[in-house]
Amino acid sequence: NDAVQKILQEIANEHEAIIFNGDGYSQEWHDEAAKRKLPNLRTTVAALPSIMDEEIVSIFEKHKVLSKRELESRYETYTEQYVKSLNVEANLMVEIAQTQILPSAIRYQGELANTAAALGDAVVKSSLKILSKITDLVNGLEENIEKLEKVKSSVTGDTLIKEARYYCDKVIPAMAAG
């Protein structure tokens, strides 16, 4: 145990420069990766093809872990899972927005409008500001739902990876805008 501990300490000390104990999603990491000239694959779609890099395939084959065909199969499966998961998430997001969030927002908007109308001349400017703000938010939500539906229905790609890129580049930003 002592010998193993000593070797592990030596290895850790020798390779300390490659250890990063920060947040891998932060700008600090992106800057550090660039400084170290490390690959910095920020999305799943950017990372997926690396499983088929010659160097990776050769290591897996050399150590009889996976064959090239097995890696290709995993690559295809992971890509398909990514596409299917994002499709489900986008569909669910539209459904929740249309059936729960938007109706609640419209109901609240109506309550504010009714209150403002009931108060008539006594309505306070702040009440009208709130109503105006809610109206803008409801309109924005409706627009974003329509945009997401349009982007979702336009998924293109003659290969799985192209479809995955479309989800990454178009669908995810449309979902984030909602």
Protein backbone atom coordinates (compact mmCIF):
# COMPACT_ATOMS: atom_id res chain seq x y z
CA ASN A 1 0.00 0.00 0.00
CA ASP A 2 2.82 2.40 0.84
CA ALA A 3 4.50 1.76 -2.51
CA VAL A 4 1.23 2.29 -4.40
CA GLN A 5 0.54 5.49 -2.44
CA LYS A 6 4.03 6.80 -3.25
CA ILE A 7 3.61 6.06 -6.97
CA LEU A 8 0.18 7.71 -7.03
CA GLN A 9 1.57 10.82 -5.33
CA GLU A 10 4.40 10.98 -7.87
CA ILE A 11 1.94 10.64 -10.76
CA ALA A 12 -0.34 13.31 -9.30
CA ASN A 13 2.57 15.69 -8.77
CA GLU A 14 3.96 15.02 -12.23
CA HIS A 15 0.60 15.67 -13.91
CA GLU A 16 -0.71 18.40 -11.63
CA ALA A 17 -0.53 20.92 -14.45
CA ILE A 18 -3.27 19.11 -16.38
CA ILE A 19 -5.73 19.01 -13.50
CA PHE A 20 -8.47 21.63 -13.53
CA ASN A 21 -10.65 21.77 -10.44
CA GLY A 22 -12.95 24.54 -11.61
CA ASP A 23 -16.33 24.55 -13.31
CA GLY A 24 -16.04 22.95 -16.74
CA TYR A 25 -18.93 25.10 -18.02
CA SER A 26 -17.53 28.47 -16.91
CA GLN A 27 -15.72 31.00 -19.03
CA GLU A 28 -12.71 30.37 -16.78
CA TRP A 29 -12.52 26.82 -18.15
CA HIS A 30 -12.90 27.94 -21.77
CA ASP A 31 -10.06 30.41 -21.29
CA GLU A 32 -7.92 27.78 -19.56
CA ALA A 33 -8.57 25.21 -22.29
CA ALA A 34 -7.56 27.73 -24.95
CA LYS A 35 -4.42 28.63 -22.98
CA ARG A 36 -3.47 24.94 -22.73
CA LYS A 37 -4.40 24.34 -26.38
CA LEU A 38 -6.84 21.62 -25.34
CA PRO A 39 -9.83 20.58 -27.41
CA ASN A 40 -12.88 22.25 -25.94
CA LEU A 41 -15.97 20.54 -27.24
CA ARG A 42 -18.79 22.66 -25.85
CA THR A 43 -21.77 20.62 -27.02
CA THR A 44 -22.72 16.98 -27.28
CA VAL A 45 -22.92 17.35 -31.06
CA ALA A 46 -19.37 18.70 -31.17
CA ALA A 47 -18.13 15.84 -28.98
CA LEU A 48 -19.97 12.90 -30.56
CA PRO A 49 -17.82 12.56 -33.72
CA SER A 50 -14.65 12.30 -31.64
CA ILE A 51 -15.61 8.71 -30.78
CA MET A 52 -14.71 7.89 -34.39
CA ASP A 53 -11.33 9.68 -34.43
CA GLU A 54 -8.62 7.37 -35.78
CA GLU A 55 -6.61 7.69 -32.59
CA ILE A 56 -9.58 6.70 -30.42
CA VAL A 57 -10.54 3.78 -32.66
CA SER A 58 -6.98 2.49 -32.71
CA ILE A 59 -6.65 2.62 -28.90
CA PHE A 60 -9.93 0.76 -28.41
CA GLU A 61 -8.98 -1.86 -31.00
CA LYS A 62 -5.41 -2.22 -29.73
CA HIS A 63 -6.62 -3.03 -26.23
CA LYS A 64 -9.48 -5.17 -27.56
CA VAL A 65 -12.09 -3.02 -25.84
CA LEU A 66 -14.30 -2.24 -28.84
CA SER A 67 -13.93 -2.76 -32.57
CA LYS A 68 -14.37 0.02 -35.09
CA ARG A 69 -17.81 -1.35 -35.98
CA GLU A 70 -18.81 -1.38 -32.31
CA LEU A 71 -17.69 2.23 -31.95
CA GLU A 72 -19.65 3.15 -35.08
CA SER A 73 -22.70 1.49 -33.57
CA ARG A 74 -22.30 3.43 -30.34
CA TYR A 75 -21.77 6.67 -32.23
CA GLU A 76 -24.98 6.10 -34.18
CA THR A 77 -26.90 5.11 -31.05
CA TYR A 78 -25.69 8.11 -29.02
CA THR A 79 -26.53 10.46 -31.88
CA GLU A 80 -29.99 8.96 -32.28
CA GLN A 81 -30.62 9.19 -28.52
CA TYR A 82 -29.58 12.86 -28.60
CA VAL A 83 -31.99 13.63 -31.45
CA LYS A 84 -34.88 11.72 -29.90
CA SER A 85 -34.36 13.26 -26.46
CA LEU A 86 -34.32 16.79 -27.83
CA ASN A 87 -37.38 16.08 -29.95
CA VAL A 88 -39.26 14.89 -26.86
CA GLU A 89 -38.08 17.90 -24.84
CA ALA A 90 -39.10 20.37 -27.54
CA ASN A 91 -42.52 18.74 -27.94
CA LEU A 92 -43.06 18.73 -24.20
CA MET A 93 -41.98 22.35 -23.92
CA VAL A 94 -44.55 23.40 -26.53
CA GLU A 95 -47.26 21.35 -24.85
CA ILE A 96 -46.59 22.77 -21.38
CA ALA A 97 -46.36 26.31 -22.72
CA GLN A 98 -49.62 25.99 -24.66
CA THR A 99 -51.67 24.10 -22.09
CA GLN A 100 -50.42 25.44 -18.76
CA ILE A 101 -48.29 28.56 -18.91
CA LEU A 102 -50.06 30.53 -21.65
CA PRO A 103 -53.61 29.92 -20.33
CA SER A 104 -52.52 31.00 -16.83
CA ALA A 105 -50.84 34.10 -18.19
CA ILE A 106 -53.90 35.01 -20.27
CA ARG A 107 -56.17 34.44 -17.27
CA TYR A 108 -54.00 36.75 -15.16
CA GLN A 109 -53.94 39.30 -17.97
CA GLY A 110 -57.76 39.19 -18.07
CA GLU A 111 -58.01 39.66 -14.31
CA LEU A 112 -55.76 42.71 -14.52
CA ALA A 113 -57.79 44.14 -17.41
CA ASN A 114 -61.07 43.56 -15.55
CA THR A 115 -59.69 45.21 -12.43
CA ALA A 116 -58.45 48.19 -14.43
CA ALA A 117 -61.82 48.51 -16.17
CA ALA A 118 -63.70 48.25 -12.86
CA LEU A 119 -61.59 50.96 -11.33
CA GLY A 120 -62.22 53.27 -14.28
CA ASP A 121 -60.79 56.72 -13.66
CA ALA A 122 -59.46 55.61 -10.29
CA VAL A 123 -57.04 53.18 -11.95
CA VAL A 124 -53.51 53.82 -10.87
CA LYS A 125 -50.79 54.24 -13.51
CA SER A 126 -48.83 51.38 -11.94
CA SER A 127 -51.77 49.02 -12.58
CA LEU A 128 -51.73 49.96 -16.25
CA LYS A 129 -47.96 49.46 -16.35
CA ILE A 130 -48.35 45.96 -14.96
CA LEU A 131 -51.12 45.17 -17.45
CA SER A 132 -49.00 46.49 -20.31
CA LYS A 133 -45.99 44.46 -19.16
CA ILE A 134 -48.04 41.26 -18.82
CA THR A 135 -49.57 41.86 -22.26
CA ASP A 136 -46.08 42.20 -23.77
CA LEU A 137 -44.95 39.01 -22.01
CA VAL A 138 -48.01 37.06 -23.19
CA ASN A 139 -47.46 38.25 -26.76
CA GLY A 140 -43.77 37.32 -26.53
CA LEU A 141 -44.64 33.87 -25.21
CA GLU A 142 -47.09 33.27 -28.05
CA GLU A 143 -44.46 34.36 -30.59
CA ASN A 144 -41.80 32.12 -29.05
CA ILE A 145 -44.15 29.13 -29.03
CA GLU A 146 -44.85 29.70 -32.73
CA LYS A 147 -41.14 30.05 -33.50
CA LEU A 148 -40.30 26.85 -31.63
CA GLU A 149 -43.06 24.95 -33.43
CA LYS A 150 -41.81 26.23 -36.78
CA VAL A 151 -38.18 25.36 -36.04
CA LYS A 152 -39.21 21.96 -34.68
CA SER A 153 -41.26 21.15 -37.75
CA SER A 154 -38.38 22.14 -40.03
CA VAL A 155 -35.85 19.62 -38.67
CA THR A 156 -33.61 18.69 -41.54
CA GLY A 157 -30.63 16.51 -42.15
CA ASP A 158 -29.93 13.61 -44.44
CA THR A 159 -27.77 12.04 -41.73
CA LEU A 160 -28.29 11.66 -38.00
CA ILE A 161 -25.38 13.96 -37.18
CA LYS A 162 -26.79 16.69 -39.44
CA GLU A 163 -30.14 16.32 -37.71
CA ALA A 164 -28.38 16.48 -34.33
CA ARG A 165 -26.56 19.67 -35.43
CA TYR A 166 -29.90 21.18 -36.44
CA TYR A 167 -31.30 20.45 -32.99
CA CYS A 168 -28.18 21.89 -31.38
CA ASP A 169 -27.99 25.01 -33.54
CA LYS A 170 -31.69 25.79 -34.09
CA VAL A 171 -34.03 23.92 -31.74
CA ILE A 172 -32.13 24.41 -28.48
CA PRO A 173 -31.81 28.20 -29.00
CA ALA A 174 -35.54 28.36 -29.84
CA MET A 175 -36.28 26.46 -26.64
CA ALA A 176 -34.05 28.79 -24.61
CA ALA A 177 -35.82 31.85 -26.03
CA GLY A 178 -39.18 30.64 -24.70
